[in-house]
C-alpha atoms as a PDB file:
ATOM      1  CA  MET A   1     108.328 182.731 115.555  1.00  0.00           C
ATOM      2  CA  THR A   2     108.468 183.211 111.795  1.00  0.00           C
ATOM      3  CA  THR A   3     110.067 179.890 110.821  1.00  0.00           C
ATOM      4  CA  ASP A   4     108.620 176.414 111.234  1.00  0.00           C
ATOM      5  CA  LEU A   5     108.928 174.803 114.649  1.00  0.00           C
ATOM      6  CA  ARG A   6     111.505 172.007 114.446  1.00  0.00           C
ATOM      7  CA  ILE A   7     110.056 169.005 116.268  1.00  0.00           C
ATOM      8  CA  GLY A   8     112.044 165.983 117.349  1.00  0.00           C
ATOM      9  CA  VAL A   9     109.758 162.961 117.593  1.00  0.00           C
ATOM     10  CA  VAL A  10     111.077 160.553 120.208  1.00  0.00           C
ATOM     11  CA  GLY A  11     109.928 157.026 119.434  1.00  0.00           C
ATOM     12  CA  ALA A  12     109.055 155.695 116.001  1.00  0.00           C
ATOM     13  CA  GLY A  13     106.602 152.975 116.961  1.00  0.00           C
ATOM     14  CA  ALA A  14     102.933 153.061 115.979  1.00  0.00           C
ATOM     15  CA  MET A  15     102.126 156.282 117.859  1.00  0.00           C
ATOM     16  CA  GLY A  16     105.338 158.091 116.928  1.00  0.00           C
ATOM     17  CA  ALA A  17     105.076 157.100 113.259  1.00  0.00           C
ATOM     18  CA  ASP A  18     101.467 158.313 113.215  1.00  0.00           C
ATOM     19  CA  HIS A  19     102.517 161.687 114.631  1.00  0.00           C
ATOM     20  CA  ILE A  20     105.367 161.998 112.129  1.00  0.00           C
ATOM     21  CA  GLN A  21     102.959 161.556 109.232  1.00  0.00           C
ATOM     22  CA  ARG A  22     100.464 163.932 110.885  1.00  0.00           C
ATOM     23  CA  ILE A  23     103.022 166.723 111.289  1.00  0.00           C
ATOM     24  CA  ALA A  24     104.350 166.217 107.767  1.00  0.00           C
ATOM     25  CA  THR A  25     100.947 166.288 106.075  1.00  0.00           C
ATOM     26  CA  ARG A  26      98.370 168.077 108.245  1.00  0.00           C
ATOM     27  CA  ILE A  27     100.036 170.416 110.733  1.00  0.00           C
ATOM     28  CA  ALA A  28     100.903 174.012 109.836  1.00  0.00           C
ATOM     29  CA  GLY A  29     103.932 175.836 111.201  1.00  0.00           C
ATOM     30  CA  ALA A  30     106.010 172.779 112.099  1.00  0.00           C
ATOM     31  CA  VAL A  31     108.311 170.180 110.580  1.00  0.00           C
ATOM     32  CA  VAL A  32     109.780 166.933 111.872  1.00  0.00           C
ATOM     33  CA  SER A  33     113.466 167.826 112.018  1.00  0.00           C
ATOM     34  CA  ALA A  34     114.580 164.699 113.870  1.00  0.00           C
ATOM     35  CA  VAL A  35     113.454 161.114 114.411  1.00  0.00           C
ATOM     36  CA  ILE A  36     114.876 159.826 117.691  1.00  0.00           C
ATOM     37  CA  GLU A  37     114.695 156.039 117.871  1.00  0.00           C
ATOM     38  CA  PRO A  38     117.292 153.416 118.898  1.00  0.00           C
ATOM     39  CA  ASP A  39     115.956 150.807 116.450  1.00  0.00           C
ATOM     40  CA  ALA A  40     117.679 151.759 113.188  1.00  0.00           C
ATOM     41  CA  GLY A  41     115.187 149.995 110.931  1.00  0.00           C
ATOM     42  CA  ARG A  42     112.183 151.530 112.628  1.00  0.00           C
ATOM     43  CA  ALA A  43     113.818 154.964 112.596  1.00  0.00           C
ATOM     44  CA  ALA A  44     114.599 154.753 108.881  1.00  0.00           C
ATOM     45  CA  ALA A  45     111.057 153.661 108.022  1.00  0.00           C
ATOM     46  CA  ALA A  46     109.559 156.559 109.989  1.00  0.00           C
ATOM     47  CA  ALA A  47     112.026 159.091 108.578  1.00  0.00           C
ATOM     48  CA  GLU A  48     110.818 158.310 105.052  1.00  0.00           C
ATOM     49  CA  HIS A  49     107.696 160.313 105.939  1.00  0.00           C
ATOM     50  CA  ALA A  50     109.732 163.293 107.174  1.00  0.00           C
ATOM     51  CA  PRO A  51     111.916 164.553 104.316  1.00  0.00           C
ATOM     52  CA  GLY A  52     115.089 166.186 105.585  1.00  0.00           C
ATOM     53  CA  ALA A  53     114.768 164.832 109.138  1.00  0.00           C
ATOM     54  CA  GLN A  54     117.936 163.710 110.878  1.00  0.00           C
ATOM     55  CA  VAL A  55     117.969 160.370 112.694  1.00  0.00           C
ATOM     56  CA  PHE A  56     119.364 159.971 116.214  1.00  0.00           C
ATOM     57  CA  ALA A  57     119.494 157.032 118.620  1.00  0.00           C
ATOM     58  CA  LYS A  58     118.846 159.150 121.736  1.00  0.00           C
ATOM     59  CA  ILE A  59     117.563 162.603 122.591  1.00  0.00           C
ATOM     60  CA  GLU A  60     120.909 163.727 124.016  1.00  0.00           C
ATOM     61  CA  ASP A  61     122.443 163.361 120.548  1.00  0.00           C
ATOM     62  CA  ALA A  62     119.698 165.470 118.960  1.00  0.00           C
ATOM     63  CA  LEU A  63     120.150 168.149 121.622  1.00  0.00           C
ATOM     64  CA  ALA A  64     123.920 168.198 121.171  1.00  0.00           C
ATOM     65  CA  ALA A  65     123.436 168.634 117.414  1.00  0.00           C
ATOM     66  CA  GLY A  66     121.039 171.563 117.938  1.00  0.00           C
ATOM     67  CA  ALA A  67     118.558 169.742 115.706  1.00  0.00           C
ATOM     68  CA  ILE A  68     115.274 170.424 117.517  1.00  0.00           C
ATOM     69  CA  ASP A  69     113.240 173.281 118.991  1.00  0.00           C
ATOM     70  CA  ALA A  70     110.648 171.059 120.682  1.00  0.00           C
ATOM     71  CA  ALA A  71     110.143 167.400 121.577  1.00  0.00           C
ATOM     72  CA  LEU A  72     107.167 165.124 121.012  1.00  0.00           C
ATOM     73  CA  ILE A  73     107.627 162.045 123.211  1.00  0.00           C
ATOM     74  CA  ALA A  74     105.943 158.896 121.924  1.00  0.00           C
ATOM     75  CA  VAL A  75     107.942 156.095 123.531  1.00  0.00           C
ATOM     76  CA  PRO A  76     106.195 153.742 126.007  1.00  0.00           C
ATOM     77  CA  GLY A  77     105.431 155.335 129.366  1.00  0.00           C
ATOM     78  CA  GLN A  78     108.145 153.506 131.310  1.00  0.00           C
ATOM     79  CA  PHE A  79     110.737 155.292 129.168  1.00  0.00           C
ATOM     80  CA  HIS A  80     109.348 158.817 129.549  1.00  0.00           C
ATOM     81  CA  LEU A  81     111.434 159.933 132.533  1.00  0.00           C
ATOM     82  CA  PRO A  82     114.892 159.535 130.888  1.00  0.00           C
ATOM     83  CA  VAL A  83     113.633 161.538 127.912  1.00  0.00           C
ATOM     84  CA  LEU A  84     111.742 164.209 129.831  1.00  0.00           C
ATOM     85  CA  LEU A  85     114.583 165.166 132.158  1.00  0.00           C
ATOM     86  CA  PRO A  86     117.200 166.070 129.493  1.00  0.00           C
ATOM     87  CA  ALA A  87     114.515 167.797 127.391  1.00  0.00           C
ATOM     88  CA  LEU A  88     113.531 169.926 130.398  1.00  0.00           C
ATOM     89  CA  GLU A  89     117.162 170.661 131.216  1.00  0.00           C
ATOM     90  CA  ALA A  90     117.522 171.967 127.658  1.00  0.00           C
ATOM     91  CA  GLY A  91     114.413 174.152 128.169  1.00  0.00           C
ATOM     92  CA  LEU A  92     112.468 172.529 125.328  1.00  0.00           C
ATOM     93  CA  PRO A  93     108.693 172.726 124.944  1.00  0.00           C
ATOM     94  CA  ILE A  94     107.416 169.147 125.217  1.00  0.00           C
ATOM     95  CA  LEU A  95     104.334 167.243 124.188  1.00  0.00           C
ATOM     96  CA  CYS A  96     104.474 163.936 126.059  1.00  0.00           C
ATOM     97  CA  GLU A  97     102.075 161.149 125.145  1.00  0.00           C
ATOM     98  CA  LYS A  98     100.162 159.690 128.064  1.00  0.00           C
ATOM     99  CA  PRO A  99     101.065 158.854 130.751  1.00  0.00           C
ATOM    100  CA  LEU A 100     103.397 161.561 132.000  1.00  0.00           C
ATOM    101  CA  THR A 101     105.178 158.735 133.840  1.00  0.00           C
ATOM    102  CA  PRO A 102     103.832 155.412 135.173  1.00  0.00           C
ATOM    103  CA  ASP A 103     103.786 156.400 138.862  1.00  0.00           C
ATOM    104  CA  THR A 104     103.553 159.379 141.178  1.00  0.00           C
ATOM    105  CA  ALA A 105     107.165 159.132 142.404  1.00  0.00           C
ATOM    106  CA  THR A 106     108.611 159.683 138.930  1.00  0.00           C
ATOM    107  CA  SER A 107     105.894 162.202 138.056  1.00  0.00           C
ATOM    108  CA  LEU A 108     106.991 164.254 141.063  1.00  0.00           C
ATOM    109  CA  GLN A 109     110.573 164.100 139.768  1.00  0.00           C
ATOM    110  CA  VAL A 110     109.342 165.626 136.510  1.00  0.00           C
ATOM    111  CA  LEU A 111     107.378 168.332 138.349  1.00  0.00           C
ATOM    112  CA  GLU A 112     110.447 169.206 140.401  1.00  0.00           C
ATOM    113  CA  ALA A 113     112.591 169.517 137.276  1.00  0.00           C
ATOM    114  CA  GLU A 114     109.995 171.570 135.420  1.00  0.00           C
ATOM    115  CA  GLN A 115     109.601 174.036 138.285  1.00  0.00           C
ATOM    116  CA  LYS A 116     113.222 175.095 137.768  1.00  0.00           C
ATOM    117  CA  LEU A 117     112.037 176.742 134.533  1.00  0.00           C
ATOM    118  CA  ASP A 118     110.144 179.998 134.149  1.00  0.00           C
ATOM    119  CA  LYS A 119     106.780 178.370 133.366  1.00  0.00           C
ATOM    120  CA  PRO A 120     105.250 174.997 132.447  1.00  0.00           C
ATOM    121  CA  HIS A 121     106.901 173.424 129.398  1.00  0.00           C
ATOM    122  CA  ILE A 122     105.109 170.055 129.286  1.00  0.00           C
ATOM    123  CA  GLN A 123     101.776 169.272 127.668  1.00  0.00           C
ATOM    124  CA  VAL A 124     100.503 165.714 128.217  1.00  0.00           C
ATOM    125  CA  GLY A 125      98.857 163.933 125.297  1.00  0.00           C
ATOM    126  CA  PHE A 126      95.363 163.255 126.582  1.00  0.00           C
ATOM    127  CA  MET A 127      93.741 163.779 123.202  1.00  0.00           C
ATOM    128  CA  ARG A 128      90.102 163.388 124.292  1.00  0.00           C
ATOM    129  CA  ARG A 129      90.119 166.996 125.529  1.00  0.00           C
ATOM    130  CA  PHE A 130      90.535 167.994 121.864  1.00  0.00           C
ATOM    131  CA  ASP A 131      87.600 165.937 120.572  1.00  0.00           C
ATOM    132  CA  ALA A 132      84.671 168.112 119.444  1.00  0.00           C
ATOM    133  CA  GLU A 133      82.021 166.027 121.226  1.00  0.00           C
ATOM    134  CA  TYR A 134      83.877 166.068 124.535  1.00  0.00           C
ATOM    135  CA  ALA A 135      84.359 169.831 124.191  1.00  0.00           C
ATOM    136  CA  ASP A 136      80.626 170.296 123.564  1.00  0.00           C
ATOM    137  CA  LEU A 137      79.742 168.201 126.614  1.00  0.00           C
ATOM    138  CA  ARG A 138      82.148 170.137 128.847  1.00  0.00           C
ATOM    139  CA  GLU A 139      80.657 173.422 127.662  1.00  0.00           C
ATOM    140  CA  LEU A 140      77.142 172.132 128.374  1.00  0.00           C
ATOM    141  CA  ILE A 141      78.119 171.038 131.891  1.00  0.00           C
ATOM    142  CA  ALA A 142      79.815 174.362 132.656  1.00  0.00           C
ATOM    143  CA  SER A 143      76.894 176.403 131.310  1.00  0.00           C
ATOM    144  CA  GLY A 144      74.331 174.837 133.627  1.00  0.00           C
ATOM    145  CA  ASP A 145      71.788 174.889 130.798  1.00  0.00           C
ATOM    146  CA  ALA A 146      70.999 171.193 131.263  1.00  0.00           C
ATOM    147  CA  GLY A 147      70.774 171.444 135.038  1.00  0.00           C
ATOM    148  CA  GLU A 148      73.202 170.281 137.718  1.00  0.00           C
ATOM    149  CA  LEU A 149      75.508 167.400 136.804  1.00  0.00           C
ATOM    150  CA  LEU A 150      74.800 164.347 138.962  1.00  0.00           C
ATOM    151  CA  MET A 151      76.506 161.383 137.280  1.00  0.00           C
ATOM    152  CA  LEU A 152      78.648 160.381 134.329  1.00  0.00           C
ATOM    153  CA  ARG A 153      78.127 156.949 132.763  1.00  0.00           C
ATOM    154  CA  CYS A 154      80.987 155.902 130.509  1.00  0.00           C
ATOM    155  CA  ALA A 155      81.974 152.967 128.324  1.00  0.00           C
ATOM    156  CA  HIS A 156      85.427 152.277 126.896  1.00  0.00           C
ATOM    157  CA  ARG A 157      85.387 149.238 124.613  1.00  0.00           C
ATOM    158  CA  ASN A 158      88.116 147.672 122.477  1.00  0.00           C
ATOM    159  CA  PRO A 159      87.605 144.861 119.965  1.00  0.00           C
ATOM    160  CA  ASP A 160      90.720 143.140 121.340  1.00  0.00           C
ATOM    161  CA  VAL A 161      94.175 143.926 122.721  1.00  0.00           C
ATOM    162  CA  PRO A 162      97.712 142.757 121.856  1.00  0.00           C
ATOM    163  CA  GLU A 163      99.566 139.937 123.646  1.00  0.00           C
ATOM    164  CA  SER A 164     101.621 142.521 125.519  1.00  0.00           C
ATOM    165  CA  TYR A 165      98.501 143.894 127.263  1.00  0.00           C
ATOM    166  CA  THR A 166      98.463 142.846 130.934  1.00  0.00           C
ATOM    167  CA  GLN A 167      95.816 142.965 133.665  1.00  0.00           C
ATOM    168  CA  SER A 168      97.041 146.189 135.269  1.00  0.00           C
ATOM    169  CA  MET A 169      96.923 147.882 131.846  1.00  0.00           C
ATOM    170  CA  LEU A 170      93.122 147.848 132.111  1.00  0.00           C
ATOM    171  CA  ILE A 171      93.802 150.784 134.428  1.00  0.00           C
ATOM    172  CA  THR A 172      97.172 152.205 133.364  1.00  0.00           C
ATOM    173  CA  ASP A 173      96.715 152.011 129.579  1.00  0.00           C
ATOM    174  CA  SER A 174      92.934 152.279 129.180  1.00  0.00           C
ATOM    175  CA  VAL A 175      91.100 153.803 132.157  1.00  0.00           C
ATOM    176  CA  VAL A 176      93.982 156.312 132.282  1.00  0.00           C
ATOM    177  CA  HIS A 177      92.069 158.320 129.657  1.00  0.00           C
ATOM    178  CA  GLU A 178      88.936 158.572 131.798  1.00  0.00           C
ATOM    179  CA  PHE A 179      91.060 159.560 134.804  1.00  0.00           C
ATOM    180  CA  ASP A 180      91.989 162.674 132.826  1.00  0.00           C
ATOM    181  CA  VAL A 181      88.876 163.524 130.856  1.00  0.00           C
ATOM    182  CA  VAL A 182      86.260 162.905 133.579  1.00  0.00           C
ATOM    183  CA  PRO A 183      87.685 165.536 135.998  1.00  0.00           C
ATOM    184  CA  TRP A 184      88.098 167.875 133.022  1.00  0.00           C
ATOM    185  CA  LEU A 185      84.425 167.444 132.127  1.00  0.00           C
ATOM    186  CA  ALA A 186      83.073 167.672 135.656  1.00  0.00           C
ATOM    187  CA  GLY A 187      85.468 170.285 137.009  1.00  0.00           C
ATOM    188  CA  SER A 188      86.582 168.198 139.984  1.00  0.00           C
ATOM    189  CA  PRO A 189      89.395 165.688 140.699  1.00  0.00           C
ATOM    190  CA  VAL A 190      88.930 161.985 141.418  1.00  0.00           C
ATOM    191  CA  LYS A 191      88.492 161.282 145.139  1.00  0.00           C
ATOM    192  CA  SER A 192      88.198 157.485 145.181  1.00  0.00           C
ATOM    193  CA  VAL A 193      88.172 154.452 142.873  1.00  0.00           C
ATOM    194  CA  GLU A 194      86.481 151.071 143.149  1.00  0.00           C
ATOM    195  CA  VAL A 195      86.627 148.165 140.684  1.00  0.00           C
ATOM    196  CA  LYS A 196      83.970 145.480 140.246  1.00  0.00           C
ATOM    197  CA  TYR A 197      84.512 142.385 138.104  1.00  0.00           C
ATOM    198  CA  ALA A 198      81.706 141.467 135.745  1.00  0.00           C
ATOM    199  CA  ARG A 199      80.965 137.972 134.523  1.00  0.00           C
ATOM    200  CA  GLN A 200      83.990 136.884 132.484  1.00  0.00           C
ATOM    201  CA  ASN A 201      83.718 137.318 128.727  1.00  0.00           C
ATOM    202  CA  PRO A 202      84.487 133.913 127.121  1.00  0.00           C
ATOM    203  CA  LYS A 203      86.308 135.836 124.367  1.00  0.00           C
ATOM    204  CA  THR A 204      88.761 137.313 126.900  1.00  0.00           C
ATOM    205  CA  PRO A 205      92.348 135.973 126.729  1.00  0.00           C
ATOM    206  CA  ASP A 206      93.286 133.658 129.610  1.00  0.00           C
ATOM    207  CA  ARG A 207      95.816 136.177 130.993  1.00  0.00           C
ATOM    208  CA  LEU A 208      93.083 138.786 131.597  1.00  0.00           C
ATOM    209  CA  ARG A 209      90.039 139.031 133.831  1.00  0.00           C
ATOM    210  CA  GLU A 210      87.473 141.421 132.367  1.00  0.00           C
ATOM    211  CA  PRO A 211      85.256 143.324 131.652  1.00  0.00           C
ATOM    212  CA  ILE A 212      85.385 145.486 134.731  1.00  0.00           C
ATOM    213  CA  LEU A 213      83.192 148.226 136.143  1.00  0.00           C
ATOM    214  CA  VAL A 214      85.181 151.164 137.517  1.00  0.00           C
ATOM    215  CA  ILE A 215      83.352 153.424 139.961  1.00  0.00           C
ATOM    216  CA  MET A 216      84.816 156.846 140.709  1.00  0.00           C
ATOM    217  CA  GLU A 217      83.675 159.480 143.147  1.00  0.00           C
ATOM    218  CA  LEU A 218      84.795 163.037 142.457  1.00  0.00           C
ATOM    219  CA  ASP A 219      85.524 165.658 145.090  1.00  0.00           C
ATOM    220  CA  ASN A 220      82.337 167.523 144.126  1.00  0.00           C
ATOM    221  CA  GLY A 221      80.159 164.436 144.718  1.00  0.00           C
ATOM    222  CA  VAL A 222      79.622 163.511 141.070  1.00  0.00           C
ATOM    223  CA  LEU A 223      79.554 159.724 140.705  1.00  0.00           C
ATOM    224  CA  VAL A 224      81.080 158.049 137.632  1.00  0.00           C
ATOM    225  CA  ASP A 225      80.712 154.489 136.406  1.00  0.00           C
ATOM    226  CA  LEU A 226      82.848 153.152 133.572  1.00  0.00           C
ATOM    227  CA  GLU A 227      82.543 149.861 131.735  1.00  0.00           C
ATOM    228  CA  MET A 228      86.069 148.880 130.663  1.00  0.00           C
ATOM    229  CA  ASN A 229      85.862 146.107 128.101  1.00  0.00           C
ATOM    230  CA  VAL A 230      88.774 145.021 125.900  1.00  0.00           C
ATOM    231  CA  SER A 231      87.352 141.905 124.212  1.00  0.00           C
ATOM    232  CA  VAL A 232      84.096 143.271 122.868  1.00  0.00           C
ATOM    233  CA  GLN A 233      84.898 142.139 119.272  1.00  0.00           C
ATOM    234  CA  PHE A 234      82.467 144.365 117.366  1.00  0.00           C
ATOM    235  CA  GLY A 235      84.678 147.490 117.269  1.00  0.00           C
ATOM    236  CA  TYR A 236      86.194 150.380 119.189  1.00  0.00           C
ATOM    237  CA  GLN A 237      83.709 152.485 121.106  1.00  0.00           C
ATOM    238  CA  VAL A 238      84.036 155.283 123.661  1.00  0.00           C
ATOM    239  CA  THR A 239      80.814 156.819 124.959  1.00  0.00           C
ATOM    240  CA  THR A 240      79.843 159.139 127.797  1.00  0.00           C
ATOM    241  CA  GLU A 241      76.368 159.870 129.129  1.00  0.00           C
ATOM    242  CA  ALA A 242      75.918 162.834 131.456  1.00  0.00           C
ATOM    243  CA  VAL A 243      72.959 162.668 133.848  1.00  0.00           C
ATOM    244  CA  PHE A 244      71.785 166.122 134.939  1.00  0.00           C
ATOM    245  CA  SER A 245      69.107 167.240 137.361  1.00  0.00           C
ATOM    246  CA  ASP A 246      66.651 167.650 134.494  1.00  0.00           C
ATOM    247  CA  SER A 247      68.401 166.384 131.338  1.00  0.00           C
ATOM    248  CA  VAL A 248      70.566 163.640 129.867  1.00  0.00           C
ATOM    249  CA  ALA A 249      73.292 164.169 127.247  1.00  0.00           C
ATOM    250  CA  ARG A 250      75.284 161.526 125.389  1.00  0.00           C
ATOM    251  CA  ILE A 251      78.387 161.541 123.167  1.00  0.00           C
ATOM    252  CA  GLY A 252      80.345 158.927 121.253  1.00  0.00           C
ATOM    253  CA  ASP A 253      77.665 157.137 119.267  1.00  0.00           C
ATOM    254  CA  PRO A 254      78.437 156.106 115.662  1.00  0.00           C
ATOM    255  CA  SER A 255      77.723 158.720 113.020  1.00  0.00           C
ATOM    256  CA  GLY A 256      77.695 158.865 109.262  1.00  0.00           C
ATOM    257  CA  LEU A 257      75.808 156.835 106.711  1.00  0.00           C
ATOM    258  CA  THR A 258      72.904 154.773 108.002  1.00  0.00           C
ATOM    259  CA  LEU A 259      71.895 151.697 106.000  1.00  0.00           C
ATOM    260  CA  TRP A 260      68.442 150.107 106.103  1.00  0.00           C
ATOM    261  CA  ASN A 261      68.764 146.675 104.536  1.00  0.00           C
ATOM    262  CA  GLY A 262      67.290 143.204 105.069  1.00  0.00           C
ATOM    263  CA  ALA A 263      65.066 144.340 107.927  1.00  0.00           C
ATOM    264  CA  ARG A 264      68.117 145.743 109.746  1.00  0.00           C
ATOM    265  CA  VAL A 265      69.403 149.236 110.430  1.00  0.00           C
ATOM    266  CA  GLY A 266      73.129 149.760 110.793  1.00  0.00           C
ATOM    267  CA  ARG A 267      76.028 152.192 110.949  1.00  0.00           C
ATOM    268  CA  ARG A 268      79.727 151.463 110.748  1.00  0.00           C
ATOM    269  CA  GLU A 269      81.666 151.516 114.025  1.00  0.00           C
ATOM    270  CA  HIS A 270      85.336 152.381 114.524  1.00  0.00           C
ATOM    271  CA  THR A 271      87.857 149.583 115.016  1.00  0.00           C
ATOM    272  CA  SER A 272      90.681 151.669 116.522  1.00  0.00           C
ATOM    273  CA  PHE A 273      91.369 154.848 118.496  1.00  0.00           C
ATOM    274  CA  THR A 274      93.420 156.112 115.539  1.00  0.00           C
ATOM    275  CA  THR A 275      90.221 156.680 113.528  1.00  0.00           C
ATOM    276  CA  ARG A 276      87.819 157.499 116.388  1.00  0.00           C
ATOM    277  CA  PHE A 277      90.100 160.297 117.609  1.00  0.00           C
ATOM    278  CA  ALA A 278      91.897 161.242 114.388  1.00  0.00           C
ATOM    279  CA  SER A 279      90.527 164.787 114.380  1.00  0.00           C
ATOM    280  CA  ALA A 280      91.268 165.147 118.090  1.00  0.00           C
ATOM    281  CA  TYR A 281      94.912 164.210 117.526  1.00  0.00           C
ATOM    282  CA  ASP A 282      95.166 166.721 114.674  1.00  0.00           C
ATOM    283  CA  ASN A 283      93.609 169.440 116.825  1.00  0.00           C
ATOM    284  CA  GLU A 284      95.833 168.594 119.781  1.00  0.00           C
ATOM    285  CA  ILE A 285      99.098 168.770 117.820  1.00  0.00           C
ATOM    286  CA  GLN A 286      98.106 171.912 115.922  1.00  0.00           C
ATOM    287  CA  ARG A 287      97.131 173.737 119.099  1.00  0.00           C
ATOM    288  CA  TRP A 288     100.354 172.683 120.803  1.00  0.00           C
ATOM    289  CA  VAL A 289     102.430 173.910 117.858  1.00  0.00           C
ATOM    290  CA  ASP A 290     100.516 177.203 117.828  1.00  0.00           C
ATOM    291  CA  ALA A 291     101.032 177.618 121.591  1.00  0.00           C
ATOM    292  CA  VAL A 292     104.767 177.010 121.304  1.00  0.00           C
ATOM    293  CA  ARG A 293     105.108 179.411 118.385  1.00  0.00           C
ATOM    294  CA  ARG A 294     103.387 182.227 120.284  1.00  0.00           C
ATOM    295  CA  GLY A 295     105.383 181.528 123.464  1.00  0.00           C
ATOM    296  CA  ASP A 296     102.663 180.007 125.653  1.00  0.00           C
ATOM    297  CA  LEU A 297     104.217 176.498 125.296  1.00  0.00           C
ATOM    298  CA  VAL A 298     101.178 174.621 126.661  1.00  0.00           C
ATOM    299  CA  ASP A 299      97.555 174.566 125.462  1.00  0.00           C
ATOM    300  CA  GLY A 300      96.043 171.557 127.173  1.00  0.00           C
ATOM    301  CA  PRO A 301      96.691 169.184 130.089  1.00  0.00           C
ATOM    302  CA  ASN A 302      99.968 170.014 131.818  1.00  0.00           C
ATOM    303  CA  ALA A 303     102.406 168.013 133.938  1.00  0.00           C
ATOM    304  CA  TRP A 304     100.335 168.574 137.085  1.00  0.00           C
ATOM    305  CA  ASP A 305      97.360 167.003 135.311  1.00  0.00           C
ATOM    306  CA  GLY A 306      99.661 164.112 134.427  1.00  0.00           C
ATOM    307  CA  TYR A 307     100.614 163.694 138.076  1.00  0.00           C
ATOM    308  CA  LEU A 308      96.941 163.645 139.124  1.00  0.00           C
ATOM    309  CA  VAL A 309      96.263 160.904 136.590  1.00  0.00           C
ATOM    310  CA  ALA A 310      99.214 158.889 137.930  1.00  0.00           C
ATOM    311  CA  ALA A 311      97.732 159.199 141.437  1.00  0.00           C
ATOM    312  CA  SER A 312      94.339 158.015 140.172  1.00  0.00           C
ATOM    313  CA  CYS A 313      95.967 155.096 138.341  1.00  0.00           C
ATOM    314  CA  GLU A 314      97.732 153.984 141.515  1.00  0.00           C
ATOM    315  CA  ALA A 315      94.404 153.975 143.355  1.00  0.00           C
ATOM    316  CA  GLY A 316      92.827 152.175 140.393  1.00  0.00           C
ATOM    317  CA  VAL A 317      95.443 149.416 140.364  1.00  0.00           C
ATOM    318  CA  ARG A 318      95.001 148.928 144.122  1.00  0.00           C
ATOM    319  CA  ALA A 319      91.253 148.642 143.576  1.00  0.00           C
ATOM    320  CA  LEU A 320      91.827 146.177 140.731  1.00  0.00           C
ATOM    321  CA  GLU A 321      94.146 143.970 142.768  1.00  0.00           C
ATOM    322  CA  GLN A 322      92.935 144.396 146.361  1.00  0.00           C
ATOM    323  CA  GLY A 323      89.285 145.343 145.989  1.00  0.00           C
ATOM    324  CA  GLY A 324      87.433 147.853 148.090  1.00  0.00           C
ATOM    325  CA  VAL A 325      87.166 151.625 147.721  1.00  0.00           C
ATOM    326  CA  GLN A 326      90.643 153.092 147.292  1.00  0.00           C
ATOM    327  CA  GLN A 327      91.294 156.749 148.075  1.00  0.00           C
ATOM    328  CA  VAL A 328      93.351 158.804 145.627  1.00  0.00           C
ATOM    329  CA  GLU A 329      96.414 160.110 147.471  1.00  0.00           C
ATOM    330  CA  ARG A 330      97.692 163.357 146.015  1.00  0.00           C
ATOM    331  CA  GLN A 331      99.853 166.262 147.105  1.00  0.00           C
ATOM    332  CA  PRO A 332      98.711 169.897 147.116  1.00  0.00           C
ATOM    333  CA  ARG A 333      99.100 171.654 143.772  1.00  0.00           C
ATOM    334  CA  PRO A 334     102.196 173.872 143.558  1.00  0.00           C
ATOM    335  CA  ALA A 335     101.556 177.551 142.776  1.00  0.00           C
ATOM    336  CA  PHE A 336     103.652 177.032 139.636  1.00  0.00           C
ATOM    337  CA  TYR A 337     100.664 175.182 138.123  1.00  0.00           C
ATOM    338  CA  ALA A 338      97.925 177.498 139.356  1.00  0.00           C
END
């Protein structure tokens, strides 16, 4: 492909608007040719950052106008299916923000539709795989240089969450990231999920019960514990510690300037995922664009990975609501995704 890839960004909320600015200012080989958003005011505001982009209320209109070569889906997860299906029918390369869909039934619908094409067309937006520290840790695990991986100890902490954040979103909107990146790191899918409730944080909104401890067992026997904490106040923090047979490795700690002052030592912490994973998002979108331009279409987690995460989330929600160890129920992988 010698011309820029024409991307239609579906959804002009916070995530979609962020991607529009990213493509316009930091991504090579692509332009935002269409902003697809039913809210006219939101669409117009986002389009200001994409000179020359056409505005459409729905993806079918953009497809009928021949305005896009690829779709970046950034609407909330419950609206992914009605966007994914027409985009697949049109044969478009797709980058779909997490989750693929909110449940395994609709994820299987997407897999069925995609398998009518010649090869996978969907990349799912689990951006942690594109973070340099996560990549280094995965390479270390695969190399065996630190010994055999025994456990992963993770923390996922938010300063707070919006009013729209509900109890099940502890799993489906937050732990969803670990359900993708942990198997990617350890080279094995999630076998079971258990949730333990910690002592309630007095800062937690009344509608939520947290923090929680999520315990995962992988098929290869690696045990994972994750502190999920969305009222931690001090900042946004995502860390992972890998325990090996003869070593320990850790990622995610604050970096940058260190200040010694008033008998204290301190570093600044992130307050949002948009800064903590800014480089990962840039890397993710650039690699996807490059893959589409050379004809590979996908360079990262695919729709099958998205289905596996949906299966883990269903087990996680059962564990959250019913207690006990919940098995992850998943179908065999189709050869299409081998």
